[in-house]
Amino acid sequence: FGTETPTLAVYGFVFGDPELVAYVDSPAENQRFRDFMVKVGLEASPEIKSIDAALEARERELASTQRAFYSPSVAFRGDLLHMIDKSGAGSDLSGSNNTDYSLGVRLTFPLARGGAKFSENRQALEELSQLRFEKRRASQDVEQRVRSTFFIAARSFTNIALSRAAAAAASENFVLVADLYGRGVVGITDLLDAQSAARRDDLSAANAVYNFLLDLIRAEHAASSFPFLLSTEEREALIDRMKSFFTQNP
């Protein structure tokens, strides 16, 4: 299989789009961008969705225990008996019926269960309260992870420009030192030092892109949202939603 070199244009989300980078290129804009990603993360978090499902189940259970105080239990029962085959002496008696059935309805309402109804209702309330607390804590954890990881990603993105500027300066310095060396002004040691610095800064500039992409993927993992995996339509819908969020939250 062949590998593809990751680029900002493909994997950088808004950071890799010149038309969208304005949404993250200042501290104030980046703060609102993190607010938006917190909203996305809270909606997409598998942990919170799991707690919501448990909350829904417990709410139904609580409603059932509360109805038990005034709602009777209704049971319907039916039996069907059919004789498939009869043989032997006297088996052909006239008037015999090969099929019997019965239907019944039972309505019960226990007047006293030793406090069991109150206990079940109290337990359902406690479990519901615990799940709500777990949801609040999970929401806080998601928000903290999203904010911190996207802050780190924004810092890594800024480091790309700084690393490229340093690499450009080191390259220009190497050209100047090489010219001076050619005229006999500096020695071979100065030339080798300038060459090493230029190569080192070139490598740092290249690594800055990869370090940013790693930080961005960690941030997207915290938000449970990976824009580079979305279809074109889904990605555009997410960007439109972000623009709308910025408009509504100036």
Protein backbone atom coordinates (compact mmCIF):
# COMPACT_ATOMS: atom_id res chain seq x y z
CA PHE A 1 0.00 0.00 0.00
CA GLY A 2 1.07 3.55 -0.55
CA THR A 3 1.18 6.25 2.13
CA GLU A 4 -0.02 9.79 1.64
CA THR A 5 1.80 12.77 3.06
CA PRO A 6 -0.57 14.54 5.51
CA THR A 7 -1.19 18.17 4.72
CA LEU A 8 -2.89 21.05 6.47
CA ALA A 9 -5.33 21.42 3.59
CA VAL A 10 -6.67 17.87 4.08
CA TYR A 11 -6.35 17.33 7.83
CA GLY A 12 -6.13 20.84 9.25
CA PHE A 13 -9.89 21.57 9.41
CA VAL A 14 -10.34 25.36 9.80
CA PHE A 15 -6.61 25.74 10.48
CA GLY A 16 -5.80 24.50 6.99
CA ASP A 17 -8.31 26.63 5.07
CA PRO A 18 -7.13 30.19 4.32
CA GLU A 19 -10.75 31.37 4.22
CA LEU A 20 -11.55 29.91 7.65
CA VAL A 21 -8.32 30.42 9.57
CA ALA A 22 -9.62 33.84 10.63
CA TYR A 23 -11.92 31.99 13.03
CA VAL A 24 -8.91 30.84 15.08
CA ASP A 25 -6.09 33.33 14.42
CA SER A 26 -6.69 35.60 17.43
CA PRO A 27 -7.15 34.79 21.14
CA ALA A 28 -10.75 36.06 21.16
CA GLU A 29 -11.74 34.17 18.00
CA ASN A 30 -9.98 31.04 19.19
CA GLN A 31 -11.89 31.21 22.47
CA ARG A 32 -15.21 31.25 20.61
CA PHE A 33 -14.00 28.44 18.38
CA ARG A 34 -13.29 26.36 21.48
CA ASP A 35 -16.77 27.23 22.78
CA PHE A 36 -18.19 25.87 19.53
CA MET A 37 -16.14 22.67 19.71
CA VAL A 38 -17.29 22.17 23.32
CA LYS A 39 -20.86 22.27 22.06
CA VAL A 40 -20.01 19.74 19.33
CA GLY A 41 -18.19 17.52 21.82
CA LEU A 42 -21.04 17.50 24.33
CA GLU A 43 -23.49 16.47 21.61
CA ALA A 44 -21.25 13.77 20.13
CA SER A 45 -19.73 12.29 23.30
CA PRO A 46 -20.41 8.52 23.49
CA GLU A 47 -20.10 8.69 27.28
CA ILE A 48 -22.81 11.32 27.60
CA LYS A 49 -25.04 9.50 25.13
CA SER A 50 -24.70 6.35 27.24
CA ILE A 51 -25.67 8.25 30.38
CA ASP A 52 -28.64 9.83 28.56
CA ALA A 53 -29.86 6.36 27.58
CA ALA A 54 -29.54 5.19 31.19
CA LEU A 55 -31.37 8.32 32.37
CA GLU A 56 -34.24 7.63 29.99
CA ALA A 57 -34.52 4.07 31.27
CA ARG A 58 -34.45 5.18 34.91
CA GLU A 59 -37.09 7.85 34.27
CA ARG A 60 -39.38 5.18 32.83
CA GLU A 61 -38.66 2.99 35.84
CA LEU A 62 -39.44 5.88 38.21
CA ALA A 63 -42.71 6.56 36.41
CA SER A 64 -43.59 2.89 36.77
CA THR A 65 -42.86 2.82 40.51
CA GLN A 66 -44.91 5.98 41.03
CA ARG A 67 -47.87 4.54 39.10
CA ALA A 68 -47.70 1.46 41.30
CA PHE A 69 -49.25 3.50 44.13
CA TYR A 70 -52.56 3.86 42.29
CA SER A 71 -52.46 1.61 39.21
CA PRO A 72 -53.55 -2.02 39.47
CA SER A 73 -51.81 -4.88 37.73
CA VAL A 74 -53.75 -6.42 34.85
CA ALA A 75 -52.96 -9.90 33.57
CA PHE A 76 -54.55 -11.69 30.63
CA ARG A 77 -54.23 -15.45 30.25
CA GLY A 78 -55.38 -17.86 27.61
CA ASP A 79 -55.06 -21.67 27.29
CA LEU A 80 -55.72 -23.87 24.28
CA LEU A 81 -55.82 -27.68 24.36
CA HIS A 82 -56.30 -29.67 21.15
CA MET A 83 -56.39 -33.46 20.81
CA ILE A 84 -54.37 -34.33 17.73
CA ASP A 85 -55.20 -38.01 17.56
CA LYS A 86 -57.47 -40.56 19.35
CA SER A 87 -57.38 -44.29 18.86
CA GLY A 88 -58.44 -47.46 20.58
CA ALA A 89 -61.73 -48.84 21.86
CA GLY A 90 -64.30 -46.14 22.67
CA SER A 91 -62.28 -43.36 21.10
CA ASP A 92 -65.01 -42.54 18.57
CA LEU A 93 -67.69 -41.62 21.12
CA SER A 94 -70.13 -39.20 19.65
CA GLY A 95 -70.23 -35.66 21.05
CA SER A 96 -66.59 -35.67 22.11
CA ASN A 97 -64.75 -32.40 21.63
CA ASN A 98 -61.15 -32.37 20.44
CA THR A 99 -60.45 -28.75 21.41
CA ASP A 100 -60.72 -27.01 24.77
CA TYR A 101 -59.78 -23.42 25.55
CA SER A 102 -60.05 -20.92 28.36
CA LEU A 103 -59.63 -17.15 28.63
CA GLY A 104 -59.21 -15.10 31.76
CA VAL A 105 -58.40 -11.63 33.05
CA ARG A 106 -56.93 -10.94 36.46
CA LEU A 107 -56.91 -7.53 38.12
CA THR A 108 -54.82 -7.13 41.29
CA PHE A 109 -53.98 -4.20 43.53
CA PRO A 110 -51.93 -5.06 46.62
CA LEU A 111 -53.01 -2.86 49.51
CA ALA A 112 -49.86 -3.49 51.53
CA ARG A 113 -46.39 -4.75 50.56
CA GLY A 114 -44.46 -3.96 53.68
CA GLY A 115 -43.19 -0.60 52.35
CA ALA A 116 -41.80 -2.16 49.16
CA LYS A 117 -43.49 0.44 46.96
CA PHE A 118 -41.90 3.30 48.89
CA SER A 119 -38.52 1.55 48.82
CA GLU A 120 -38.64 0.96 45.07
CA ASN A 121 -39.67 4.56 44.44
CA ARG A 122 -36.90 5.90 46.68
CA GLN A 123 -34.31 3.68 44.97
CA ALA A 124 -35.40 4.86 41.51
CA LEU A 125 -35.12 8.50 42.67
CA GLU A 126 -31.63 7.92 44.06
CA GLU A 127 -30.43 6.18 40.90
CA LEU A 128 -31.85 9.00 38.78
CA SER A 129 -30.10 11.59 40.93
CA GLN A 130 -26.81 9.70 40.67
CA LEU A 131 -27.03 9.50 36.87
CA ARG A 132 -27.72 13.23 36.63
CA PHE A 133 -24.64 13.88 38.75
CA GLU A 134 -22.60 11.56 36.52
CA LYS A 135 -23.82 13.44 33.44
CA ARG A 136 -22.79 16.79 34.92
CA ARG A 137 -19.36 15.41 35.80
CA ALA A 138 -18.95 13.80 32.36
CA SER A 139 -19.97 17.06 30.68
CA GLN A 140 -17.39 18.96 32.71
CA ASP A 141 -14.72 16.41 31.80
CA VAL A 142 -15.56 16.65 28.09
CA GLU A 143 -15.50 20.45 28.21
CA GLN A 144 -12.16 20.49 30.02
CA ARG A 145 -10.57 18.06 27.56
CA VAL A 146 -11.90 19.89 24.50
CA ARG A 147 -10.81 23.31 25.72
CA SER A 148 -7.32 22.23 26.77
CA THR A 149 -6.56 20.10 23.70
CA PHE A 150 -7.78 22.71 21.21
CA PHE A 151 -5.76 25.35 23.07
CA ILE A 152 -2.67 23.17 22.62
CA ALA A 153 -3.55 22.63 18.94
CA ALA A 154 -3.85 26.39 18.40
CA ARG A 155 -0.47 26.91 20.03
CA SER A 156 1.06 24.21 17.79
CA PHE A 157 -0.47 25.89 14.74
CA THR A 158 1.16 29.20 15.69
CA ASN A 159 4.47 27.40 16.07
CA ILE A 160 4.34 26.39 12.37
CA ALA A 161 4.73 29.99 11.21
CA LEU A 162 7.46 30.67 13.76
CA SER A 163 9.39 27.54 12.73
CA ARG A 164 9.11 28.41 9.05
CA ALA A 165 10.36 31.95 9.74
CA ALA A 166 13.31 30.55 11.69
CA ALA A 167 14.08 28.12 8.86
CA ALA A 168 13.97 30.91 6.28
CA ALA A 169 16.31 33.04 8.39
CA ALA A 170 18.74 30.12 8.88
CA SER A 171 18.71 29.44 5.14
CA GLU A 172 19.49 33.06 4.35
CA ASN A 173 22.26 33.04 6.94
CA PHE A 174 23.78 29.94 5.36
CA VAL A 175 23.82 31.65 1.95
CA LEU A 176 25.60 34.66 3.44
CA VAL A 177 28.14 32.53 5.33
CA ALA A 178 28.79 30.46 2.18
CA ASP A 179 29.47 33.65 0.26
CA LEU A 180 31.85 34.88 2.96
CA TYR A 181 33.57 31.51 3.02
CA GLY A 182 34.03 31.66 -0.74
CA ARG A 183 35.79 35.02 -0.31
CA GLY A 184 37.95 33.69 2.50
CA VAL A 185 36.41 35.86 5.22
CA VAL A 186 35.21 33.00 7.47
CA GLY A 187 36.51 29.53 8.10
CA ILE A 188 35.12 26.07 7.37
CA THR A 189 33.82 25.75 10.94
CA ASP A 190 31.56 28.77 10.50
CA LEU A 191 30.28 27.35 7.23
CA LEU A 192 29.50 23.95 8.77
CA ASP A 193 27.75 25.58 11.74
CA ALA A 194 25.57 27.66 9.42
CA GLN A 195 24.76 24.60 7.31
CA SER A 196 23.84 22.54 10.39
CA ALA A 197 21.61 25.32 11.71
CA ALA A 198 19.81 25.63 8.37
CA ARG A 199 19.17 21.90 8.17
CA ARG A 200 18.09 21.74 11.81
CA ASP A 201 15.60 24.58 11.37
CA ASP A 202 14.28 23.05 8.13
CA LEU A 203 13.62 19.83 10.02
CA SER A 204 11.96 21.73 12.88
CA ALA A 205 9.67 23.50 10.40
CA ALA A 206 8.64 20.16 8.87
CA ASN A 207 8.10 18.58 12.28
CA ALA A 208 6.00 21.56 13.39
CA VAL A 209 3.33 20.58 10.85
CA TYR A 210 3.25 16.96 12.03
CA ASN A 211 3.23 17.98 15.69
CA PHE A 212 0.27 20.26 15.02
CA LEU A 213 -1.66 17.54 13.20
CA LEU A 214 -1.06 15.15 16.10
CA ASP A 215 -2.30 17.76 18.58
CA LEU A 216 -5.31 18.51 16.38
CA ILE A 217 -6.28 14.82 16.14
CA ARG A 218 -6.06 14.57 19.94
CA ALA A 219 -8.35 17.58 20.19
CA GLU A 220 -10.81 16.13 17.66
CA HIS A 221 -10.76 12.87 19.61
CA ALA A 222 -11.68 14.81 22.76
CA ALA A 223 -14.59 16.38 20.85
CA SER A 224 -15.59 13.03 19.27
CA SER A 225 -15.56 14.76 15.89
CA PHE A 226 -13.13 14.11 13.03
CA PRO A 227 -13.87 16.52 10.15
CA PHE A 228 -11.41 14.79 7.79
CA LEU A 229 -13.55 11.63 7.99
CA LEU A 230 -16.75 13.47 7.06
CA SER A 231 -18.18 13.62 3.58
CA THR A 232 -18.03 16.92 1.70
CA GLU A 233 -21.67 17.64 2.54
CA GLU A 234 -21.22 16.81 6.24
CA ARG A 235 -18.07 18.91 6.45
CA GLU A 236 -19.77 21.89 4.84
CA ALA A 237 -22.72 21.49 7.22
CA LEU A 238 -20.34 21.55 10.20
CA ILE A 239 -18.61 24.68 8.88
CA ASP A 240 -21.96 26.40 8.25
CA ARG A 241 -22.98 25.53 11.78
CA MET A 242 -19.72 27.04 13.09
CA LYS A 243 -20.28 30.25 11.13
CA SER A 244 -23.81 30.48 12.49
CA PHE A 245 -22.47 29.98 16.03
CA PHE A 246 -20.01 32.84 15.59
CA THR A 247 -22.79 35.07 14.27
CA GLN A 248 -25.08 34.30 17.21
CA ASN A 249 -22.27 34.64 19.78
CA PRO A 250 -20.36 37.80 18.82
